[in-house]
Amino acid sequence: MTATDFDAERAYDDDQFSAVEVFRSDRMKVVCGYFEPEQFIPVHAPSSDVAIHVRSGTGLVRDGDEEHRVEPGDVVVVGADTDRGVRADTDSRLEALLVTAPPPTDAEHGPVREGLRRNEFDPHDP
């Protein structure tokens, strides 16, 4: 059994969001995500479903062409092969549990690395 809590795993990074992996199998990956204000996971579309539960803070979750405002207690699920991203509001840290099934491949996270390098939430925005 894997057991932890957000306080024990909490890790913020001044440069980019922090993803603390708490569990991984061939079928699922569980991450505690910590975002300083305005930090984000760039929009990308891996071949996995993701469920996002917001623990604290506010922000938005991209689901295809839609953006969902999120706050503590919200749960958003985005299906596989759908553009998705997470961004903290400008005035709020955001903490969220992210469960992906199956875990994205390293190649599928290429757009995330590139978006972070370019400081772009959505590479499709003009």
N, C-alpha and C. Protein backbone atom coordinates (compact mmCIF):
# COMPACT_ATOMS: atom_id res chain seq x y z
N MET A 1 0.84 -1.18 0.00
CA MET A 1 0.00 0.00 0.00
C MET A 1 0.88 1.24 0.00
N THR A 2 0.50 2.20 -0.82
CA THR A 2 1.17 3.49 -0.83
C THR A 2 0.27 4.48 -0.12
N ALA A 3 0.80 5.16 0.87
CA ALA A 3 0.02 6.17 1.60
C ALA A 3 0.91 7.38 1.85
N THR A 4 0.33 8.54 1.65
CA THR A 4 1.06 9.79 1.89
C THR A 4 0.03 10.89 2.09
N ASP A 5 0.48 12.13 2.22
CA ASP A 5 -0.43 13.26 2.26
C ASP A 5 0.26 14.46 1.63
N PHE A 6 -0.53 15.45 1.29
CA PHE A 6 0.00 16.61 0.59
C PHE A 6 1.05 17.35 1.41
N ASP A 7 0.87 17.40 2.72
CA ASP A 7 1.84 18.11 3.56
C ASP A 7 3.19 17.41 3.54
N ALA A 8 3.20 16.09 3.58
CA ALA A 8 4.46 15.34 3.58
C ALA A 8 5.18 15.45 2.24
N GLU A 9 4.45 15.55 1.14
CA GLU A 9 5.05 15.58 -0.19
C GLU A 9 5.31 16.98 -0.72
N ARG A 10 4.77 17.99 -0.07
CA ARG A 10 4.79 19.36 -0.59
C ARG A 10 6.19 19.79 -1.01
N ALA A 11 6.29 20.25 -2.25
CA ALA A 11 7.55 20.73 -2.80
C ALA A 11 7.23 21.76 -3.88
N TYR A 12 7.56 22.99 -3.63
CA TYR A 12 7.37 24.04 -4.63
C TYR A 12 8.70 24.35 -5.28
N ASP A 13 8.65 24.78 -6.54
CA ASP A 13 9.83 25.14 -7.31
C ASP A 13 9.57 26.52 -7.89
N ASP A 14 10.50 27.43 -7.73
CA ASP A 14 10.31 28.80 -8.22
C ASP A 14 10.24 28.86 -9.74
N ASP A 15 10.82 27.88 -10.43
CA ASP A 15 10.93 27.95 -11.89
C ASP A 15 9.76 27.30 -12.63
N GLN A 16 9.21 26.22 -12.09
CA GLN A 16 8.11 25.53 -12.77
C GLN A 16 7.33 24.71 -11.76
N PHE A 17 6.15 24.22 -12.18
CA PHE A 17 5.33 23.40 -11.29
C PHE A 17 6.15 22.21 -10.81
N SER A 18 5.78 21.70 -9.67
CA SER A 18 6.46 20.55 -9.10
C SER A 18 5.51 19.36 -9.10
N ALA A 19 5.95 18.24 -9.65
CA ALA A 19 5.15 17.02 -9.70
C ALA A 19 5.85 15.96 -8.87
N VAL A 20 5.26 15.61 -7.73
CA VAL A 20 5.84 14.60 -6.86
C VAL A 20 5.09 13.29 -7.10
N GLU A 21 5.77 12.36 -7.75
CA GLU A 21 5.15 11.07 -8.05
C GLU A 21 5.06 10.25 -6.77
N VAL A 22 3.84 9.81 -6.46
CA VAL A 22 3.65 9.01 -5.24
C VAL A 22 3.33 7.56 -5.55
N PHE A 23 2.98 7.26 -6.81
CA PHE A 23 2.72 5.88 -7.21
C PHE A 23 2.80 5.77 -8.72
N ARG A 24 3.32 4.62 -9.18
CA ARG A 24 3.34 4.32 -10.61
C ARG A 24 3.28 2.82 -10.81
N SER A 25 2.45 2.44 -11.77
CA SER A 25 2.42 1.05 -12.25
C SER A 25 2.29 1.12 -13.77
N ASP A 26 2.18 -0.01 -14.40
CA ASP A 26 1.97 -0.02 -15.85
C ASP A 26 0.62 0.56 -16.23
N ARG A 27 -0.31 0.60 -15.27
CA ARG A 27 -1.69 1.01 -15.55
C ARG A 27 -2.04 2.42 -15.06
N MET A 28 -1.23 2.96 -14.12
CA MET A 28 -1.64 4.23 -13.50
C MET A 28 -0.43 4.96 -12.92
N LYS A 29 -0.54 6.29 -12.91
CA LYS A 29 0.46 7.13 -12.26
C LYS A 29 -0.28 8.16 -11.41
N VAL A 30 0.19 8.36 -10.17
CA VAL A 30 -0.43 9.30 -9.24
C VAL A 30 0.61 10.33 -8.84
N VAL A 31 0.25 11.61 -8.99
CA VAL A 31 1.17 12.71 -8.74
C VAL A 31 0.48 13.76 -7.88
N CYS A 32 1.22 14.27 -6.90
CA CYS A 32 0.79 15.48 -6.19
C CYS A 32 1.43 16.65 -6.94
N GLY A 33 0.60 17.56 -7.43
CA GLY A 33 1.10 18.70 -8.19
C GLY A 33 1.04 19.96 -7.36
N TYR A 34 2.15 20.72 -7.39
CA TYR A 34 2.27 21.96 -6.62
C TYR A 34 2.65 23.08 -7.58
N PHE A 35 1.82 24.10 -7.64
CA PHE A 35 1.99 25.19 -8.59
C PHE A 35 2.08 26.52 -7.84
N GLU A 36 3.12 27.27 -8.08
CA GLU A 36 3.17 28.66 -7.62
C GLU A 36 2.21 29.46 -8.51
N PRO A 37 1.82 30.68 -8.12
CA PRO A 37 0.95 31.48 -8.98
C PRO A 37 1.50 31.55 -10.41
N GLU A 38 0.61 31.37 -11.37
CA GLU A 38 0.87 31.43 -12.81
C GLU A 38 1.67 30.26 -13.36
N GLN A 39 2.09 29.32 -12.54
CA GLN A 39 2.79 28.15 -13.08
C GLN A 39 1.78 27.21 -13.73
N PHE A 40 2.27 26.35 -14.62
CA PHE A 40 1.36 25.54 -15.42
C PHE A 40 1.99 24.26 -15.90
N ILE A 41 1.12 23.33 -16.29
CA ILE A 41 1.49 22.18 -17.11
C ILE A 41 1.03 22.56 -18.51
N PRO A 42 1.94 22.67 -19.47
CA PRO A 42 1.55 23.08 -20.81
C PRO A 42 0.53 22.13 -21.45
N VAL A 43 -0.26 22.69 -22.33
CA VAL A 43 -1.27 21.92 -23.06
C VAL A 43 -0.58 20.86 -23.92
N HIS A 44 -1.06 19.64 -23.78
CA HIS A 44 -0.57 18.49 -24.53
C HIS A 44 -1.69 17.47 -24.59
N ALA A 45 -1.53 16.42 -25.40
CA ALA A 45 -2.62 15.46 -25.60
C ALA A 45 -2.09 14.02 -25.59
N PRO A 46 -1.71 13.52 -24.42
CA PRO A 46 -1.21 12.14 -24.37
C PRO A 46 -2.34 11.12 -24.52
N SER A 47 -1.95 9.88 -24.73
CA SER A 47 -2.92 8.79 -24.90
C SER A 47 -3.30 8.18 -23.56
N SER A 48 -3.67 9.04 -22.62
CA SER A 48 -4.09 8.57 -21.31
C SER A 48 -5.20 9.48 -20.79
N ASP A 49 -6.05 8.91 -19.95
CA ASP A 49 -7.05 9.70 -19.25
C ASP A 49 -6.38 10.34 -18.04
N VAL A 50 -6.91 11.47 -17.60
CA VAL A 50 -6.41 12.09 -16.37
C VAL A 50 -7.59 12.57 -15.54
N ALA A 51 -7.49 12.32 -14.24
CA ALA A 51 -8.44 12.86 -13.27
C ALA A 51 -7.66 13.82 -12.39
N ILE A 52 -8.20 15.02 -12.22
CA ILE A 52 -7.53 16.07 -11.44
C ILE A 52 -8.45 16.47 -10.30
N HIS A 53 -7.96 16.35 -9.07
CA HIS A 53 -8.71 16.78 -7.90
C HIS A 53 -7.97 17.95 -7.28
N VAL A 54 -8.63 19.10 -7.20
CA VAL A 54 -8.00 20.30 -6.64
C VAL A 54 -8.13 20.26 -5.13
N ARG A 55 -6.99 20.32 -4.48
CA ARG A 55 -6.95 20.30 -3.02
C ARG A 55 -7.02 21.71 -2.45
N SER A 56 -6.24 22.63 -3.04
CA SER A 56 -6.25 24.01 -2.57
C SER A 56 -5.87 24.94 -3.71
N GLY A 57 -6.24 26.20 -3.56
CA GLY A 57 -5.94 27.20 -4.57
C GLY A 57 -6.98 27.23 -5.68
N THR A 58 -6.70 28.08 -6.66
CA THR A 58 -7.60 28.23 -7.80
C THR A 58 -6.79 28.27 -9.08
N GLY A 59 -7.47 27.98 -10.18
CA GLY A 59 -6.79 27.99 -11.47
C GLY A 59 -7.74 27.56 -12.56
N LEU A 60 -7.15 26.99 -13.61
CA LEU A 60 -7.98 26.48 -14.70
C LEU A 60 -7.40 25.19 -15.23
N VAL A 61 -8.29 24.39 -15.78
CA VAL A 61 -7.91 23.15 -16.45
C VAL A 61 -8.44 23.24 -17.86
N ARG A 62 -7.57 23.04 -18.84
CA ARG A 62 -7.96 22.99 -20.24
C ARG A 62 -8.42 21.59 -20.56
N ASP A 63 -9.55 21.49 -21.24
CA ASP A 63 -10.14 20.22 -21.68
C ASP A 63 -10.56 20.43 -23.12
N GLY A 64 -9.69 20.06 -24.05
CA GLY A 64 -9.97 20.33 -25.45
C GLY A 64 -10.00 21.83 -25.67
N ASP A 65 -11.12 22.33 -26.21
CA ASP A 65 -11.27 23.77 -26.45
C ASP A 65 -11.87 24.52 -25.27
N GLU A 66 -12.23 23.80 -24.21
CA GLU A 66 -12.87 24.42 -23.06
C GLU A 66 -11.87 24.65 -21.93
N GLU A 67 -12.11 25.71 -21.16
CA GLU A 67 -11.33 25.97 -19.96
C GLU A 67 -12.28 25.93 -18.78
N HIS A 68 -11.94 25.16 -17.77
CA HIS A 68 -12.76 25.02 -16.57
C HIS A 68 -12.06 25.73 -15.41
N ARG A 69 -12.73 26.69 -14.80
CA ARG A 69 -12.23 27.32 -13.58
C ARG A 69 -12.31 26.28 -12.48
N VAL A 70 -11.27 26.16 -11.66
CA VAL A 70 -11.26 25.16 -10.60
C VAL A 70 -10.92 25.79 -9.27
N GLU A 71 -11.45 25.17 -8.21
CA GLU A 71 -11.20 25.61 -6.85
C GLU A 71 -11.21 24.37 -5.96
N PRO A 72 -10.87 24.52 -4.68
CA PRO A 72 -10.78 23.35 -3.82
C PRO A 72 -12.05 22.48 -3.86
N GLY A 73 -11.82 21.17 -3.97
CA GLY A 73 -12.90 20.20 -4.02
C GLY A 73 -13.33 19.82 -5.42
N ASP A 74 -12.95 20.60 -6.43
CA ASP A 74 -13.34 20.29 -7.81
C ASP A 74 -12.59 19.07 -8.33
N VAL A 75 -13.28 18.32 -9.18
CA VAL A 75 -12.69 17.18 -9.88
C VAL A 75 -12.98 17.38 -11.36
N VAL A 76 -11.93 17.29 -12.17
CA VAL A 76 -12.05 17.40 -13.62
C VAL A 76 -11.40 16.16 -14.23
N VAL A 77 -12.08 15.55 -15.20
CA VAL A 77 -11.54 14.39 -15.89
C VAL A 77 -11.45 14.74 -17.37
N VAL A 78 -10.26 14.49 -17.94
CA VAL A 78 -10.04 14.74 -19.37
C VAL A 78 -9.65 13.42 -20.01
N GLY A 79 -10.34 13.07 -21.09
CA GLY A 79 -10.09 11.81 -21.77
C GLY A 79 -8.80 11.79 -22.56
N ALA A 80 -8.37 10.60 -22.91
CA ALA A 80 -7.16 10.39 -23.70
C ALA A 80 -7.24 11.12 -25.03
N ASP A 81 -6.08 11.50 -25.53
CA ASP A 81 -5.92 12.15 -26.84
C ASP A 81 -6.65 13.48 -26.94
N THR A 82 -6.92 14.11 -25.81
CA THR A 82 -7.58 15.42 -25.76
C THR A 82 -6.59 16.44 -25.20
N ASP A 83 -6.51 17.60 -25.85
CA ASP A 83 -5.64 18.65 -25.32
C ASP A 83 -6.00 18.94 -23.88
N ARG A 84 -4.97 19.02 -23.03
CA ARG A 84 -5.18 19.31 -21.62
C ARG A 84 -4.01 20.11 -21.08
N GLY A 85 -4.28 20.86 -20.05
CA GLY A 85 -3.25 21.61 -19.34
C GLY A 85 -3.84 22.12 -18.04
N VAL A 86 -2.97 22.51 -17.12
CA VAL A 86 -3.38 23.03 -15.82
C VAL A 86 -2.58 24.30 -15.57
N ARG A 87 -3.27 25.35 -15.07
CA ARG A 87 -2.57 26.61 -14.76
C ARG A 87 -3.13 27.20 -13.47
N ALA A 88 -2.23 27.60 -12.57
CA ALA A 88 -2.63 28.29 -11.34
C ALA A 88 -2.97 29.73 -11.66
N ASP A 89 -3.91 30.29 -10.90
CA ASP A 89 -4.25 31.71 -11.06
C ASP A 89 -3.05 32.58 -10.69
N THR A 90 -3.14 33.85 -11.06
CA THR A 90 -2.04 34.78 -10.82
C THR A 90 -1.84 35.11 -9.34
N ASP A 91 -2.87 34.88 -8.53
CA ASP A 91 -2.79 35.26 -7.12
C ASP A 91 -2.93 34.08 -6.17
N SER A 92 -2.68 32.85 -6.67
CA SER A 92 -2.96 31.70 -5.82
C SER A 92 -2.03 30.53 -6.14
N ARG A 93 -1.49 29.94 -5.10
CA ARG A 93 -0.85 28.63 -5.28
C ARG A 93 -1.96 27.62 -5.56
N LEU A 94 -1.61 26.55 -6.24
CA LEU A 94 -2.57 25.50 -6.56
C LEU A 94 -1.94 24.16 -6.18
N GLU A 95 -2.71 23.33 -5.47
CA GLU A 95 -2.29 21.98 -5.18
C GLU A 95 -3.36 21.03 -5.70
N ALA A 96 -2.93 20.00 -6.43
CA ALA A 96 -3.89 19.09 -7.04
C ALA A 96 -3.32 17.68 -7.10
N LEU A 97 -4.20 16.72 -7.02
CA LEU A 97 -3.86 15.32 -7.22
C LEU A 97 -4.17 15.00 -8.68
N LEU A 98 -3.21 14.45 -9.39
CA LEU A 98 -3.38 14.09 -10.79
C LEU A 98 -3.17 12.58 -10.94
N VAL A 99 -4.17 11.91 -11.48
CA VAL A 99 -4.11 10.46 -11.70
C VAL A 99 -4.25 10.22 -13.19
N THR A 100 -3.22 9.63 -13.80
CA THR A 100 -3.26 9.33 -15.22
C THR A 100 -3.26 7.82 -15.43
N ALA A 101 -4.05 7.39 -16.42
CA ALA A 101 -4.15 5.97 -16.71
C ALA A 101 -4.30 5.78 -18.21
N PRO A 102 -3.40 5.03 -18.84
CA PRO A 102 -2.11 4.59 -18.31
C PRO A 102 -1.15 5.78 -18.22
N PRO A 103 0.01 5.59 -17.57
CA PRO A 103 0.98 6.70 -17.48
C PRO A 103 1.41 7.15 -18.88
N PRO A 104 1.52 8.46 -19.09
CA PRO A 104 2.02 8.94 -20.38
C PRO A 104 3.47 8.48 -20.61
N THR A 105 3.81 8.33 -21.86
CA THR A 105 5.19 7.96 -22.21
C THR A 105 6.09 9.19 -22.13
N ASP A 106 7.38 8.94 -22.12
CA ASP A 106 8.34 10.04 -22.12
C ASP A 106 8.16 10.89 -23.38
N ALA A 107 7.93 10.24 -24.52
CA ALA A 107 7.73 10.97 -25.78
C ALA A 107 6.49 11.85 -25.71
N GLU A 108 5.42 11.37 -25.05
CA GLU A 108 4.20 12.17 -24.93
C GLU A 108 4.40 13.38 -24.03
N HIS A 109 5.41 13.35 -23.19
CA HIS A 109 5.71 14.51 -22.34
C HIS A 109 6.67 15.50 -23.01
N GLY A 110 7.10 15.19 -24.24
CA GLY A 110 7.94 16.13 -25.00
C GLY A 110 7.30 17.50 -25.12
N PRO A 111 6.01 17.60 -25.48
CA PRO A 111 5.38 18.92 -25.57
C PRO A 111 5.34 19.66 -24.22
N VAL A 112 5.27 18.92 -23.13
CA VAL A 112 5.30 19.55 -21.80
C VAL A 112 6.67 20.19 -21.57
N ARG A 113 7.72 19.42 -21.83
CA ARG A 113 9.08 19.96 -21.66
C ARG A 113 9.30 21.18 -22.55
N GLU A 114 8.83 21.09 -23.79
CA GLU A 114 9.01 22.20 -24.72
C GLU A 114 8.21 23.42 -24.29
N GLY A 115 6.98 23.24 -23.85
CA GLY A 115 6.17 24.35 -23.38
C GLY A 115 6.79 25.03 -22.17
N LEU A 116 7.35 24.24 -21.26
CA LEU A 116 8.02 24.82 -20.10
C LEU A 116 9.26 25.60 -20.52
N ARG A 117 10.03 25.02 -21.46
CA ARG A 117 11.23 25.71 -21.95
C ARG A 117 10.89 27.05 -22.56
N ARG A 118 9.79 27.11 -23.31
CA ARG A 118 9.36 28.34 -23.98
C ARG A 118 8.47 29.23 -23.11
N ASN A 119 8.12 28.73 -21.92
CA ASN A 119 7.19 29.42 -21.02
C ASN A 119 5.86 29.69 -21.71
N GLU A 120 5.33 28.65 -22.40
CA GLU A 120 4.05 28.74 -23.11
C GLU A 120 3.07 27.74 -22.53
N PHE A 121 1.94 28.23 -22.06
CA PHE A 121 0.88 27.34 -21.57
C PHE A 121 0.28 26.58 -22.74
N ASP A 122 -0.06 27.28 -23.81
CA ASP A 122 -0.67 26.65 -24.97
C ASP A 122 0.11 27.00 -26.22
N PRO A 123 0.85 26.04 -26.77
CA PRO A 123 1.66 26.32 -27.96
C PRO A 123 0.81 26.61 -29.19
N HIS A 124 -0.52 26.33 -29.13
CA HIS A 124 -1.40 26.58 -30.27
C HIS A 124 -1.93 28.02 -30.30
N ASP A 125 -1.78 28.75 -29.17
CA ASP A 125 -2.26 30.13 -29.14
C ASP A 125 -1.36 31.01 -30.01
N PRO A 126 -2.00 31.88 -30.80
CA PRO A 126 -1.20 32.75 -31.68
C PRO A 126 -0.43 33.80 -30.91
